[in-house]
C-alpha cells in the first residue's frame, strides 16, 4: 500500500520552524494467522525541485 503523508510543526536543529515536509510511505503487508503484518517498509521524502541522479547503466 502507498500512503502520502505531511508533517507539520517540526523544528530545525537550531530551533527555527522547519516548514512542512511531505513524503510517500510504501508498505508491503501480509495477512498471517495473527493478523496483518508489515513485511517491508520504505519512506521517501518528496523534495520539490529535486531530480533523480543519472543512471550508471549503459
Protein backbone atom coordinates (compact mmCIF):
# COMPACT_ATOMS: atom_id res chain seq x y z
CA UNK A 1 0.00 0.00 0.00
CA UNK A 2 1.06 3.61 -0.59
CA UNK A 3 0.37 6.37 1.91
CA UNK A 4 1.10 10.05 1.18
CA UNK A 5 1.95 11.94 4.38
CA UNK A 6 2.52 15.53 5.51
CA UNK A 7 4.45 16.50 8.64
CA UNK A 8 3.94 19.97 10.14
CA UNK A 9 5.24 21.62 13.30
CA UNK A 10 8.79 20.23 13.15
CA UNK A 11 11.80 22.28 14.24
CA UNK A 12 15.20 22.58 12.59
CA UNK A 13 18.32 21.78 14.68
CA UNK A 14 18.67 25.49 15.54
CA UNK A 15 15.09 25.59 16.87
CA UNK A 16 13.61 27.54 13.96
CA UNK A 17 10.48 26.23 12.20
CA UNK A 18 11.41 23.56 9.66
CA UNK A 19 8.33 24.01 7.50
CA UNK A 20 6.09 21.28 6.18
CA UNK A 21 7.52 18.03 4.83
CA UNK A 22 5.77 15.60 2.52
CA UNK A 23 6.54 12.05 1.56
CA UNK A 24 5.30 8.67 0.42
CA UNK A 25 5.28 5.59 2.65
CA UNK A 26 5.28 2.23 0.87
CA UNK A 27 4.26 -0.82 2.90
CA UNK A 28 4.25 -4.43 1.79
CA UNK A 29 1.96 -6.35 4.10
CA UNK A 30 0.96 -9.98 4.51
CA UNK A 31 -2.04 -11.47 6.21
CA UNK A 32 -0.99 -14.08 8.77
CA UNK A 33 -2.90 -16.08 11.40
CA UNK A 34 -2.31 -13.32 13.97
CA UNK A 35 -3.45 -10.56 11.56
CA UNK A 36 -1.87 -8.24 9.00
CA UNK A 37 1.90 -7.76 9.39
CA UNK A 38 4.25 -5.27 7.75
CA UNK A 39 6.99 -7.16 5.90
CA UNK A 40 8.77 -4.29 4.11
CA UNK A 41 8.54 -0.51 4.54
CA UNK A 42 10.09 2.36 2.60
CA UNK A 43 9.64 6.03 3.47
CA UNK A 44 10.61 8.57 0.80
CA UNK A 45 10.66 12.36 1.24
CA UNK A 46 9.14 14.39 -1.58
CA UNK A 47 11.65 17.18 -2.26
CA UNK A 48 10.26 19.88 -4.57
CA UNK A 49 12.57 20.58 -7.50
CA UNK A 50 14.80 17.56 -6.87
CA UNK A 51 15.56 15.20 -9.72
CA UNK A 52 16.85 11.66 -9.66
CA UNK A 53 20.57 11.18 -10.21
CA UNK A 54 21.59 9.89 -13.64
CA UNK A 55 21.66 6.14 -14.06
CA UNK A 56 25.05 4.43 -14.35
CA UNK A 57 23.51 1.68 -16.53
CA UNK A 58 24.84 1.51 -20.05
